[in-house]
C-alpha atoms as a PDB file:
ATOM      1  CA  MET A   1     -99.373 -90.669  87.558  1.00  0.00           C
ATOM      2  CA  LYS A   2     -95.955 -92.171  86.885  1.00  0.00           C
ATOM      3  CA  LYS A   3     -97.222 -95.495  88.246  1.00  0.00           C
ATOM      4  CA  VAL A   4    -100.398 -95.221  86.169  1.00  0.00           C
ATOM      5  CA  MET A   5     -98.374 -94.584  83.000  1.00  0.00           C
ATOM      6  CA  GLU A   6     -96.233 -97.651  83.767  1.00  0.00           C
ATOM      7  CA  GLN A   7     -99.361 -99.830  83.780  1.00  0.00           C
ATOM      8  CA  LEU A   8    -100.579 -98.286  80.524  1.00  0.00           C
ATOM      9  CA  THR A   9     -97.197 -98.834  78.871  1.00  0.00           C
ATOM     10  CA  GLU A  10     -97.051-102.492  79.924  1.00  0.00           C
ATOM     11  CA  TYR A  11    -100.592-103.105  78.682  1.00  0.00           C
ATOM     12  CA  LYS A  12     -99.900-101.423  75.335  1.00  0.00           C
ATOM     13  CA  GLY A  13     -96.772-103.551  74.915  1.00  0.00           C
ATOM     14  CA  THR A  14     -98.802-106.725  75.447  1.00  0.00           C
ATOM     15  CA  VAL A  15    -101.481-105.689  72.941  1.00  0.00           C
ATOM     16  CA  ASP A  16     -98.912-104.606  70.336  1.00  0.00           C
ATOM     17  CA  THR A  17     -97.152-107.961  70.597  1.00  0.00           C
ATOM     18  CA  LEU A  18    -100.461-109.782  70.172  1.00  0.00           C
ATOM     19  CA  ALA A  19    -101.370-107.506  67.242  1.00  0.00           C
ATOM     20  CA  THR A  20     -98.222-108.522  65.359  1.00  0.00           C
ATOM     21  CA  SER A  21     -98.948-112.208  65.947  1.00  0.00           C
ATOM     22  CA  TYR A  22    -102.584-111.816  64.923  1.00  0.00           C
ATOM     23  CA  GLN A  23    -101.688-110.011  61.695  1.00  0.00           C
ATOM     24  CA  LEU A  24     -99.346-112.826  60.734  1.00  0.00           C
ATOM     25  CA  GLU A  25    -102.105-115.378  61.278  1.00  0.00           C
ATOM     26  CA  VAL A  26    -104.597-113.340  59.239  1.00  0.00           C
ATOM     27  CA  ALA A  27    -102.061-112.968  56.420  1.00  0.00           C
ATOM     28  CA  ARG A  28    -101.487-116.745  56.358  1.00  0.00           C
ATOM     29  CA  ARG A  29    -105.241-117.348  56.340  1.00  0.00           C
ATOM     30  CA  GLU A  30    -105.769-115.004  53.398  1.00  0.00           C
ATOM     31  CA  GLU A  31    -102.884-116.603  51.515  1.00  0.00           C
ATOM     32  CA  GLU A  32    -104.399-120.046  52.024  1.00  0.00           C
ATOM     33  CA  LEU A  33    -107.896-118.910  51.012  1.00  0.00           C
ATOM     34  CA  THR A  34    -106.552-117.153  47.933  1.00  0.00           C
ATOM     35  CA  GLY A  35    -104.890-120.400  46.939  1.00  0.00           C
ATOM     36  CA  THR A  36    -108.254-122.191  46.991  1.00  0.00           C
ATOM     37  CA  LYS A  37    -109.836-119.972  44.350  1.00  0.00           C
ATOM     38  CA  GLY A  38    -110.867-122.087  41.410  1.00  0.00           C
ATOM     39  CA  LYS A  39    -110.987-125.183  43.599  1.00  0.00           C
ATOM     40  CA  TYR A  40    -113.927-124.039  45.755  1.00  0.00           C
ATOM     41  CA  THR A  41    -116.879-121.724  45.222  1.00  0.00           C
ATOM     42  CA  ASP A  42    -116.785-118.112  46.360  1.00  0.00           C
ATOM     43  CA  GLU A  43    -119.528-118.886  48.887  1.00  0.00           C
ATOM     44  CA  TYR A  44    -117.438-121.671  50.401  1.00  0.00           C
ATOM     45  CA  ILE A  45    -114.439-119.349  50.679  1.00  0.00           C
ATOM     46  CA  LYS A  46    -116.566-116.643  52.324  1.00  0.00           C
ATOM     47  CA  GLU A  47    -117.980-119.168  54.766  1.00  0.00           C
ATOM     48  CA  SER A  48    -114.454-120.408  55.557  1.00  0.00           C
ATOM     49  CA  ARG A  49    -113.367-116.837  56.259  1.00  0.00           C
ATOM     50  CA  ARG A  50    -116.353-116.276  58.577  1.00  0.00           C
ATOM     51  CA  ASN A  51    -115.730-119.513  60.485  1.00  0.00           C
ATOM     52  CA  TRP A  52    -111.964-119.089  60.756  1.00  0.00           C
ATOM     53  CA  LYS A  53    -110.541-119.259  64.268  1.00  0.00           C
ATOM     54  CA  SER A  54    -107.107-118.109  65.283  1.00  0.00           C
ATOM     55  CA  SER A  55    -104.675-120.542  66.911  1.00  0.00           C
ATOM     56  CA  LYS A  56    -104.476-118.368  70.019  1.00  0.00           C
ATOM     57  CA  ASP A  57    -107.153-116.939  72.333  1.00  0.00           C
ATOM     58  CA  TYR A  58    -106.323-113.296  71.610  1.00  0.00           C
ATOM     59  CA  SER A  59    -109.489-112.009  73.234  1.00  0.00           C
ATOM     60  CA  GLY A  60    -108.779-113.934  76.445  1.00  0.00           C
ATOM     61  CA  GLU A  61    -105.156-112.778  76.631  1.00  0.00           C
ATOM     62  CA  ILE A  62    -106.130-109.158  76.114  1.00  0.00           C
ATOM     63  CA  SER A  63    -108.896-109.413  78.721  1.00  0.00           C
ATOM     64  CA  ARG A  64    -106.563-110.905  81.315  1.00  0.00           C
ATOM     65  CA  SER A  65    -103.890-108.294  80.697  1.00  0.00           C
ATOM     66  CA  ARG A  66    -106.467-105.503  80.764  1.00  0.00           C
ATOM     67  CA  GLU A  67    -107.961-106.721  84.041  1.00  0.00           C
ATOM     68  CA  LYS A  68    -104.546-106.897  85.689  1.00  0.00           C
ATOM     69  CA  HIS A  69    -103.153-103.525  84.603  1.00  0.00           C
ATOM     70  CA  GLN A  70    -106.408-101.554  84.710  1.00  0.00           C
ATOM     71  CA  LYS A  71    -107.071-102.682  88.270  1.00  0.00           C
ATOM     72  CA  ILE A  72    -103.648-101.490  89.438  1.00  0.00           C
ATOM     73  CA  ALA A  73    -103.833 -98.202  87.517  1.00  0.00           C
ATOM     74  CA  LEU A  74    -107.268 -97.363  88.917  1.00  0.00           C
ATOM     75  CA  ALA A  75    -106.116 -98.262  92.431  1.00  0.00           C
ATOM     76  CA  TYR A  76    -103.424 -95.586  92.114  1.00  0.00           C
ATOM     77  CA  ILE A  77    -105.897 -93.072  90.705  1.00  0.00           C
ATOM     78  CA  ASP A  78    -108.370 -93.796  93.500  1.00  0.00           C
ATOM     79  CA  GLN A  79    -105.730 -92.692  96.013  1.00  0.00           C
ATOM     80  CA  ILE A  80    -105.776 -89.158  94.612  1.00  0.00           C
ATOM     81  CA  PRO A  81    -109.323 -88.096  95.645  1.00  0.00           C
ATOM     82  CA  LYS A  82    -108.442 -89.055  99.223  1.00  0.00           C
ATOM     83  CA  GLU A  83    -105.445 -86.712  99.074  1.00  0.00           C
ATOM     84  CA  LEU A  84    -107.557 -83.932  97.581  1.00  0.00           C
ATOM     85  CA  ASP A  85    -110.294 -84.453 100.164  1.00  0.00           C
ATOM     86  CA  SER A  86    -107.808 -84.291 103.023  1.00  0.00           C
ATOM     87  CA  TYR A  87    -106.404 -81.004 101.702  1.00  0.00           C
ATOM     88  CA  PHE A  88    -109.716 -79.288 101.039  1.00  0.00           C
ATOM     89  CA  GLN A  89    -111.071 -80.448 104.416  1.00  0.00           C
ATOM     90  CA  ILE A  90    -108.268 -78.916 106.510  1.00  0.00           C
ATOM     91  CA  PRO A  91    -110.076 -76.687 109.036  1.00  0.00           C
ATOM     92  CA  VAL A  92    -109.122 -73.047 109.457  1.00  0.00           C
ATOM     93  CA  ASP A  93    -106.636 -72.485 112.282  1.00  0.00           C
ATOM     94  CA  SER A  94    -108.490 -70.638 115.050  1.00  0.00           C
ATOM     95  CA  GLY A  95    -105.635 -68.167 115.546  1.00  0.00           C
ATOM     96  CA  PHE A  96    -105.512 -67.354 111.824  1.00  0.00           C
ATOM     97  CA  ALA A  97    -109.307 -66.958 111.664  1.00  0.00           C
ATOM     98  CA  ALA A  98    -109.219 -64.612 114.673  1.00  0.00           C
ATOM     99  CA  THR A  99    -106.537 -62.477 112.988  1.00  0.00           C
ATOM    100  CA  VAL A 100    -108.519 -62.124 109.745  1.00  0.00           C
ATOM    101  CA  THR A 101    -111.730 -61.375 111.678  1.00  0.00           C
ATOM    102  CA  ALA A 102    -109.983 -58.696 113.755  1.00  0.00           C
ATOM    103  CA  ILE A 103    -108.487 -57.067 110.633  1.00  0.00           C
ATOM    104  CA  LYS A 104    -111.921 -56.870 109.067  1.00  0.00           C
ATOM    105  CA  ALA A 105    -113.670 -55.654 112.234  1.00  0.00           C
ATOM    106  CA  LEU A 106    -111.118 -52.908 112.901  1.00  0.00           C
ATOM    107  CA  GLY A 107    -111.134 -51.736 109.311  1.00  0.00           C
ATOM    108  CA  VAL A 108    -107.412 -52.330 108.866  1.00  0.00           C
ATOM    109  CA  THR A 109    -106.257 -52.296 105.228  1.00  0.00           C
ATOM    110  CA  PRO A 110    -103.337 -54.715 104.791  1.00  0.00           C
ATOM    111  CA  ASN A 111    -100.792 -53.831 102.129  1.00  0.00           C
ATOM    112  CA  ASN A 112     -99.557 -56.377  99.568  1.00  0.00           C
ATOM    113  CA  ARG A 113     -96.595 -57.488 101.672  1.00  0.00           C
ATOM    114  CA  GLU A 114     -98.859 -58.076 104.661  1.00  0.00           C
ATOM    115  CA  PHE A 115    -101.211 -60.163 102.522  1.00  0.00           C
ATOM    116  CA  ASP A 116     -98.236 -62.247 101.380  1.00  0.00           C
ATOM    117  CA  LEU A 117     -97.300 -62.907 105.014  1.00  0.00           C
ATOM    118  CA  LEU A 118    -100.873 -63.794 105.928  1.00  0.00           C
ATOM    119  CA  GLN A 119    -101.065 -66.187 102.990  1.00  0.00           C
ATOM    120  CA  GLY A 120     -98.007 -68.034 104.246  1.00  0.00           C
ATOM    121  CA  ALA A 121     -99.761 -68.587 107.583  1.00  0.00           C
ATOM    122  CA  SER A 122    -103.145 -69.597 106.103  1.00  0.00           C
ATOM    123  CA  GLY A 123    -102.499 -73.331 106.599  1.00  0.00           C
ATOM    124  CA  GLY A 124    -104.709 -74.785 103.880  1.00  0.00           C
ATOM    125  CA  TYR A 125    -107.592 -74.262 101.472  1.00  0.00           C
ATOM    126  CA  TRP A 126    -110.152 -72.800 103.871  1.00  0.00           C
ATOM    127  CA  GLY A 127    -107.603 -70.462 105.400  1.00  0.00           C
ATOM    128  CA  ARG A 128    -106.864 -69.129 101.915  1.00  0.00           C
ATOM    129  CA  ARG A 129    -110.580 -68.995 101.139  1.00  0.00           C
ATOM    130  CA  LEU A 130    -111.126 -66.802 104.187  1.00  0.00           C
ATOM    131  CA  LEU A 131    -108.137 -64.628 103.288  1.00  0.00           C
ATOM    132  CA  ASN A 132    -109.367 -64.267  99.711  1.00  0.00           C
ATOM    133  CA  GLU A 133    -112.676 -62.814 100.935  1.00  0.00           C
ATOM    134  CA  LEU A 134    -110.695 -60.187 102.840  1.00  0.00           C
ATOM    135  CA  ALA A 135    -108.469 -59.567  99.795  1.00  0.00           C
ATOM    136  CA  ILE A 136    -111.279 -58.931  97.313  1.00  0.00           C
ATOM    137  CA  SER A 137    -113.061 -56.579  99.740  1.00  0.00           C
ATOM    138  CA  ARG A 138    -110.000 -54.382 100.328  1.00  0.00           C
ATOM    139  CA  THR A 139    -110.667 -50.684  99.773  1.00  0.00           C
ATOM    140  CA  LYS A 140    -108.785 -47.405  99.936  1.00  0.00           C
ATOM    141  CA  THR A 141    -109.847 -43.841 100.711  1.00  0.00           C
ATOM    142  CA  GLU A 142    -109.682 -41.529  97.734  1.00  0.00           C
ATOM    143  CA  GLN A 143    -109.705 -37.788  98.179  1.00  0.00           C
ATOM    144  CA  GLY A 144    -111.238 -35.477  95.628  1.00  0.00           C
ATOM    145  CA  ALA A 145    -113.129 -32.247  95.181  1.00  0.00           C
ATOM    146  CA  GLU A 146    -116.534 -31.283  93.873  1.00  0.00           C
ATOM    147  CA  LEU A 147    -118.426 -28.087  93.258  1.00  0.00           C
ATOM    148  CA  GLU A 148    -121.192 -27.351  95.728  1.00  0.00           C
ATOM    149  CA  ASN A 149    -123.134 -24.048  95.744  1.00  0.00           C
ATOM    150  CA  GLY A 150    -120.424 -22.453  93.702  1.00  0.00           C
ATOM    151  CA  GLU A 151    -117.652 -23.527  96.049  1.00  0.00           C
ATOM    152  CA  MET A 152    -115.121 -26.357  95.757  1.00  0.00           C
ATOM    153  CA  LYS A 153    -115.303 -28.782  98.634  1.00  0.00           C
ATOM    154  CA  ARG A 154    -112.870 -31.578  99.483  1.00  0.00           C
ATOM    155  CA  THR A 155    -114.444 -35.076  99.471  1.00  0.00           C
ATOM    156  CA  GLU A 156    -113.440 -38.550 100.507  1.00  0.00           C
ATOM    157  CA  LYS A 157    -114.848 -41.819  99.229  1.00  0.00           C
ATOM    158  CA  GLU A 158    -114.051 -45.498  99.505  1.00  0.00           C
ATOM    159  CA  ALA A 159    -112.778 -47.154  96.301  1.00  0.00           C
ATOM    160  CA  LYS A 160    -112.216 -50.846  95.718  1.00  0.00           C
ATOM    161  CA  MET A 161    -108.571 -51.920  95.752  1.00  0.00           C
ATOM    162  CA  PRO A 162    -108.691 -55.741  95.748  1.00  0.00           C
ATOM    163  CA  TYR A 163    -105.541 -57.766  96.313  1.00  0.00           C
ATOM    164  CA  GLY A 164    -105.214 -60.422  93.622  1.00  0.00           C
ATOM    165  CA  GLY A 165    -102.247 -62.344  94.934  1.00  0.00           C
ATOM    166  CA  VAL A 166    -104.052 -64.980  97.019  1.00  0.00           C
ATOM    167  CA  GLU A 167    -103.312 -68.351  95.431  1.00  0.00           C
ATOM    168  CA  LEU A 168    -106.689 -70.032  95.827  1.00  0.00           C
ATOM    169  CA  PRO A 169    -107.016 -73.441  94.139  1.00  0.00           C
ATOM    170  CA  ASP A 170    -110.086 -74.029  91.967  1.00  0.00           C
ATOM    171  CA  ILE A 171    -111.785 -76.898  93.819  1.00  0.00           C
ATOM    172  CA  GLU A 172    -114.126 -77.779  90.927  1.00  0.00           C
ATOM    173  CA  LYS A 173    -111.268 -77.768  88.420  1.00  0.00           C
ATOM    174  CA  ALA A 174    -109.241 -80.119  90.641  1.00  0.00           C
ATOM    175  CA  TYR A 175    -111.891 -82.852  90.736  1.00  0.00           C
ATOM    176  CA  ASP A 176    -112.945 -82.317  87.101  1.00  0.00           C
ATOM    177  CA  SER A 177    -109.327 -82.662  85.999  1.00  0.00           C
ATOM    178  CA  LEU A 178    -108.959 -85.912  87.920  1.00  0.00           C
ATOM    179  CA  ARG A 179    -112.166 -87.271  86.357  1.00  0.00           C
ATOM    180  CA  ASN A 180    -110.769 -86.475  82.885  1.00  0.00           C
ATOM    181  CA  VAL A 181    -107.613 -88.441  83.718  1.00  0.00           C
ATOM    182  CA  LYS A 182    -109.630 -91.451  84.879  1.00  0.00           C
ATOM    183  CA  ASN A 183    -111.789 -91.345  81.733  1.00  0.00           C
ATOM    184  CA  ALA A 184    -108.687 -91.221  79.519  1.00  0.00           C
ATOM    185  CA  VAL A 185    -107.079 -94.154  81.351  1.00  0.00           C
ATOM    186  CA  ASN A 186    -110.237 -96.249  81.038  1.00  0.00           C
ATOM    187  CA  MET A 187    -110.486 -95.391  77.335  1.00  0.00           C
ATOM    188  CA  ALA A 188    -106.907 -96.569  76.839  1.00  0.00           C
ATOM    189  CA  PHE A 189    -107.582 -99.927  78.453  1.00  0.00           C
ATOM    190  CA  GLU A 190    -111.026-100.526  76.954  1.00  0.00           C
ATOM    191  CA  GLY A 191    -110.554 -99.180  73.435  1.00  0.00           C
ATOM    192  CA  TYR A 192    -106.991 -99.956  72.383  1.00  0.00           C
ATOM    193  CA  CYS A 193    -106.635-102.616  69.707  1.00  0.00           C
ATOM    194  CA  GLY A 194    -103.233-101.813  68.204  1.00  0.00           C
ATOM    195  CA  THR A 195    -101.638 -98.694  66.767  1.00  0.00           C
ATOM    196  CA  ASN A 196    -103.295 -99.374  63.409  1.00  0.00           C
ATOM    197  CA  TYR A 197    -106.354-101.104  64.926  1.00  0.00           C
ATOM    198  CA  GLU A 198    -105.009-104.547  63.970  1.00  0.00           C
ATOM    199  CA  LEU A 199    -107.068-106.250  66.688  1.00  0.00           C
ATOM    200  CA  LYS A 200    -110.329-104.369  66.182  1.00  0.00           C
ATOM    201  CA  ASP A 201    -112.127-107.602  65.264  1.00  0.00           C
ATOM    202  CA  VAL A 202    -110.954-109.114  68.557  1.00  0.00           C
ATOM    203  CA  VAL A 203    -111.550-106.179  70.899  1.00  0.00           C
ATOM    204  CA  PHE A 204    -114.789-105.153  69.157  1.00  0.00           C
ATOM    205  CA  PRO A 205    -116.045-108.419  67.619  1.00  0.00           C
ATOM    206  CA  ILE A 206    -118.754-108.310  64.973  1.00  0.00           C
ATOM    207  CA  ASN A 207    -121.943-110.140  65.944  1.00  0.00           C
ATOM    208  CA  LYS A 208    -121.363-113.624  64.493  1.00  0.00           C
ATOM    209  CA  ALA A 209    -125.030-114.565  64.745  1.00  0.00           C
ATOM    210  CA  LEU A 210    -125.959-111.549  62.633  1.00  0.00           C
ATOM    211  CA  GLU A 211    -123.318-112.507  60.089  1.00  0.00           C
ATOM    212  CA  ARG A 212    -124.782-116.024  59.798  1.00  0.00           C
ATOM    213  CA  THR A 213    -128.326-114.647  59.474  1.00  0.00           C
ATOM    214  CA  ASN A 214    -127.222-112.278  56.716  1.00  0.00           C
ATOM    215  CA  ALA A 215    -125.468-115.133  54.908  1.00  0.00           C
ATOM    216  CA  LYS A 216    -128.647-117.239  55.095  1.00  0.00           C
ATOM    217  CA  LEU A 217    -130.790-114.402  53.755  1.00  0.00           C
ATOM    218  CA  SER A 218    -128.389-113.958  50.872  1.00  0.00           C
ATOM    219  CA  GLU A 219    -128.313-117.669  50.100  1.00  0.00           C
ATOM    220  CA  THR A 220    -132.058-118.310  50.421  1.00  0.00           C
ATOM    221  CA  TYR A 221    -133.656-115.108  49.122  1.00  0.00           C
ATOM    222  CA  GLY A 222    -130.869-113.407  47.222  1.00  0.00           C
ATOM    223  CA  VAL A 223    -131.019-110.483  49.655  1.00  0.00           C
ATOM    224  CA  GLN A 224    -127.783-108.536  50.035  1.00  0.00           C
ATOM    225  CA  PRO A 225    -127.994-107.164  53.578  1.00  0.00           C
ATOM    226  CA  GLN A 226    -125.674-104.417  54.769  1.00  0.00           C
ATOM    227  CA  LYS A 227    -122.419-105.714  56.191  1.00  0.00           C
ATOM    228  CA  PRO A 228    -122.325-105.476  60.010  1.00  0.00           C
ATOM    229  CA  LYS A 229    -120.332-102.466  61.148  1.00  0.00           C
ATOM    230  CA  LEU A 230    -118.902-101.173  64.367  1.00  0.00           C
ATOM    231  CA  ASP A 231    -121.194 -98.742  66.158  1.00  0.00           C
ATOM    232  CA  ASN A 232    -120.148 -95.122  66.603  1.00  0.00           C
ATOM    233  CA  MET A 233    -119.309 -95.616  70.274  1.00  0.00           C
ATOM    234  CA  ALA A 234    -116.879 -98.450  69.524  1.00  0.00           C
ATOM    235  CA  ILE A 235    -115.257 -96.441  66.727  1.00  0.00           C
ATOM    236  CA  SER A 236    -114.853 -93.450  69.043  1.00  0.00           C
ATOM    237  CA  ARG A 237    -113.296 -95.547  71.816  1.00  0.00           C
ATOM    238  CA  MET A 238    -111.000 -97.312  69.359  1.00  0.00           C
ATOM    239  CA  ALA A 239    -109.783 -94.100  67.717  1.00  0.00           C
ATOM    240  CA  GLY A 240    -109.502 -92.130  70.954  1.00  0.00           C
ATOM    241  CA  SER A 241    -107.602 -94.807  72.855  1.00  0.00           C
ATOM    242  CA  VAL A 242    -104.313 -94.468  70.944  1.00  0.00           C
ATOM    243  CA  LYS A 243    -103.450 -90.994  72.258  1.00  0.00           C
ATOM    244  CA  CYS A 244    -104.373 -91.994  75.825  1.00  0.00           C
ATOM    245  CA  PHE A 245    -101.038 -93.832  76.170  1.00  0.00           C
ATOM    246  CA  ASP A 246     -99.084 -90.610  75.594  1.00  0.00           C
ATOM    247  CA  GLU A 247     -98.013 -88.915  78.832  1.00  0.00           C
ATOM    248  CA  ASN A 248     -98.369 -85.582  76.984  1.00  0.00           C
ATOM    249  CA  HIS A 249    -102.068 -86.242  76.333  1.00  0.00           C
ATOM    250  CA  ARG A 250    -103.959 -83.090  77.363  1.00  0.00           C
ATOM    251  CA  PRO A 251    -105.922 -84.566  80.319  1.00  0.00           C
ATOM    252  CA  TYR A 252    -102.647 -85.784  81.867  1.00  0.00           C
ATOM    253  CA  THR A 253    -100.693 -82.558  81.367  1.00  0.00           C
ATOM    254  CA  ALA A 254    -103.625 -80.423  82.562  1.00  0.00           C
ATOM    255  CA  PHE A 255    -103.907 -82.542  85.700  1.00  0.00           C
ATOM    256  CA  SER A 256    -100.162 -82.350  86.302  1.00  0.00           C
ATOM    257  CA  GLU A 257    -100.190 -78.561  85.974  1.00  0.00           C
ATOM    258  CA  MET A 258    -103.180 -78.293  88.291  1.00  0.00           C
ATOM    259  CA  MET A 259    -101.544 -80.505  90.920  1.00  0.00           C
ATOM    260  CA  LYS A 260     -98.280 -78.551  90.792  1.00  0.00           C
ATOM    261  CA  GLY A 261    -100.211 -75.379  91.523  1.00  0.00           C
ATOM    262  CA  LEU A 262    -102.108 -77.103  94.290  1.00  0.00           C
ATOM    263  CA  ALA A 263     -98.945 -78.559  95.820  1.00  0.00           C
ATOM    264  CA  ALA A 264     -97.501 -75.067  96.153  1.00  0.00           C
ATOM    265  CA  THR A 265    -100.374 -74.128  98.481  1.00  0.00           C
ATOM    266  CA  MET A 266    -100.329 -77.302 100.565  1.00  0.00           C
ATOM    267  CA  PRO A 267     -98.955 -77.423 104.103  1.00  0.00           C
ATOM    268  CA  GLU A 268     -96.415 -80.120 104.901  1.00  0.00           C
ATOM    269  CA  PRO A 269     -98.279 -83.457 104.988  1.00  0.00           C
ATOM    270  CA  LYS A 270     -98.577 -85.215 108.307  1.00  0.00           C
ATOM    271  CA  ARG A 271     -96.989 -88.616 108.604  1.00  0.00           C
ATOM    272  CA  LYS A 272     -99.494 -91.459 108.323  1.00  0.00           C
ATOM    273  CA  THR A 273    -100.259 -93.383 111.497  1.00  0.00           C
ATOM    274  CA  THR A 274    -103.066 -95.649 110.260  1.00  0.00           C
ATOM    275  CA  LEU A 275    -104.133 -97.189 106.969  1.00  0.00           C
ATOM    276  CA  THR A 276    -107.279 -96.020 105.213  1.00  0.00           C
ATOM    277  CA  ASP A 277    -109.544 -98.408 103.289  1.00  0.00           C
ATOM    278  CA  SER A 278    -108.112 -96.925 100.107  1.00  0.00           C
ATOM    279  CA  ASP A 279    -104.562 -97.707 101.313  1.00  0.00           C
ATOM    280  CA  LYS A 280    -105.524-101.300 102.060  1.00  0.00           C
ATOM    281  CA  ASN A 281    -107.165-101.706  98.662  1.00  0.00           C
ATOM    282  CA  LEU A 282    -104.038-100.406  96.931  1.00  0.00           C
ATOM    283  CA  ILE A 283    -101.799-102.829  98.860  1.00  0.00           C
ATOM    284  CA  ASP A 284    -104.048-105.803  98.037  1.00  0.00           C
ATOM    285  CA  THR A 285    -104.069-104.771  94.382  1.00  0.00           C
ATOM    286  CA  LEU A 286    -100.287-104.549  94.175  1.00  0.00           C
ATOM    287  CA  ILE A 287     -99.443-107.642  96.195  1.00  0.00           C
ATOM    288  CA  SER A 288    -101.094-110.993  95.537  1.00  0.00           C
ATOM    289  CA  THR A 289    -101.934-113.010  98.646  1.00  0.00           C
ATOM    290  CA  ASP A 290    -102.195-116.202  96.588  1.00  0.00           C
ATOM    291  CA  TYR A 291     -98.513-116.887  97.282  1.00  0.00           C
ATOM    292  CA  PRO A 292     -97.745-115.784 100.868  1.00  0.00           C
ATOM    293  CA  SER A 293     -94.093-116.778 100.557  1.00  0.00           C
ATOM    294  CA  LEU A 294     -93.625-114.282  97.725  1.00  0.00           C
ATOM    295  CA  ALA A 295     -95.797-111.532  99.200  1.00  0.00           C
ATOM    296  CA  GLN A 296     -93.161-110.418 101.721  1.00  0.00           C
ATOM    297  CA  SER A 297     -90.452-110.082  99.071  1.00  0.00           C
ATOM    298  CA  ASP A 298     -92.861-108.259  96.748  1.00  0.00           C
ATOM    299  CA  ALA A 299     -93.694-105.801  99.533  1.00  0.00           C
ATOM    300  CA  ILE A 300     -89.998-105.123 100.155  1.00  0.00           C
ATOM    301  CA  LYS A 301     -89.296-104.558  96.442  1.00  0.00           C
ATOM    302  CA  ILE A 302     -92.194-102.117  96.153  1.00  0.00           C
ATOM    303  CA  ALA A 303     -91.181-100.261  99.322  1.00  0.00           C
ATOM    304  CA  LYS A 304     -87.599 -99.843  98.110  1.00  0.00           C
ATOM    305  CA  ALA A 305     -88.805 -98.489  94.775  1.00  0.00           C
ATOM    306  CA  ASP A 306     -91.321 -95.961  96.140  1.00  0.00           C
ATOM    307  CA  SER A 307     -91.014 -94.048  99.417  1.00  0.00           C
ATOM    308  CA  ARG A 308     -94.718 -93.182  99.488  1.00  0.00           C
ATOM    309  CA  LEU A 309     -95.711 -96.829  99.190  1.00  0.00           C
ATOM    310  CA  ALA A 310     -93.041 -97.707 101.752  1.00  0.00           C
ATOM    311  CA  GLU A 311     -94.871 -95.502 104.252  1.00  0.00           C
ATOM    312  CA  ILE A 312     -98.186 -97.321 103.919  1.00  0.00           C
ATOM    313  CA  LEU A 313     -96.606-100.787 103.657  1.00  0.00           C
ATOM    314  CA  SER A 314     -94.768-100.202 106.936  1.00  0.00           C
ATOM    315  CA  LEU A 315     -98.168 -99.752 108.598  1.00  0.00           C
ATOM    316  CA  ASP A 316     -99.579-103.026 107.244  1.00  0.00           C
ATOM    317  CA  GLU A 317     -99.483-105.722 109.895  1.00  0.00           C
ATOM    318  CA  ARG A 318     -98.703-108.378 107.268  1.00  0.00           C
ATOM    319  CA  TYR A 319     -95.653-106.702 105.760  1.00  0.00           C
ATOM    320  CA  GLY A 320     -94.718-103.854 108.091  1.00  0.00           C
ATOM    321  CA  LYS A 321     -92.024-105.616 110.089  1.00  0.00           C
ATOM    322  CA  ALA A 322     -90.244-107.058 107.036  1.00  0.00           C
ATOM    323  CA  VAL A 323     -90.423-103.742 105.169  1.00  0.00           C
ATOM    324  CA  LYS A 324     -89.036-101.728 108.097  1.00  0.00           C
ATOM    325  CA  GLU A 325     -86.172-104.178 108.612  1.00  0.00           C
ATOM    326  CA  ALA A 326     -85.294-104.171 104.914  1.00  0.00           C
ATOM    327  CA  LEU A 327     -85.359-100.375 104.680  1.00  0.00           C
ATOM    328  CA  GLN A 328     -83.272-100.040 107.833  1.00  0.00           C
ATOM    329  CA  GLU A 329     -80.756-102.557 106.507  1.00  0.00           C
ATOM    330  CA  GLY A 330     -80.527-100.567 103.280  1.00  0.00           C
ATOM    331  CA  ALA A 331     -79.981 -97.333 105.191  1.00  0.00           C
ATOM    332  CA  ASP A 332     -77.238 -98.935 107.330  1.00  0.00           C
ATOM    333  CA  ASN A 333     -75.439-100.183 104.216  1.00  0.00           C
ATOM    334  CA  GLU A 334     -75.449 -96.696 102.762  1.00  0.00           C
END
């Protein structure tokens, strides 16, 4: 998520810079048009405003920046489902499963401390899932007395005494939370047009053909058609995008909290030995192959800045040797 936020921050900085430039151009245009009042008709001034073109291709610059940063951000996000899948797919250890099965078959009632110890040995999601079934079915024998034929008789009955301390991640919540993060990130990239919506006409352009048709109707028939407006979807994306750059935005904080809870239940990750397709896609997104001479140095810089990326880069046949040598050299210098 830190890497995703870096891409969002860089993109927002680009758009904000363009927004300032665009506002200056619009202000100059309005000043010039205002100065023509009295010299030209109102219709001519309106037509000049409609046909005005900025000196810079703001739409193109925003699109290029969006494509670059959104692609990298989504590549990072697309790594996360693979990590979640690998955790939730960890099979139950046969020894642990045999222990839980024996406890249940023999009617043993573990106390809270014993459940804590079993939880530490569960080894992953399905181990905890199995343990949780045992925990919620725990019972205790309660003794009592009841009147029968005028005499008090001692009785025994089984009462539920579930153990609620098994930390079982909510699998649906995990994937739903990740989807909310991805939606928020996409909204940021696709809806942002400046803090005060300075570039709304660029990011969400009004249909120029419709504007010309309306102008013709007005000129020819005296009809005053309704001014073209942004649709509700565009307005929603534009307004909602601003808060999506804040790392304290609810989808991000909820996901972070969920992942912290999940991390506490995860076994130690195994060291990677091969690259997945998702790993390869991330590498190709981060490192351009258009300039092979620069690719090696880019790989080394990325590896030095992020130990997790260093692990997958060291397995890439294109960069692995250079990355390993650079990291070893750095370790020797320390």
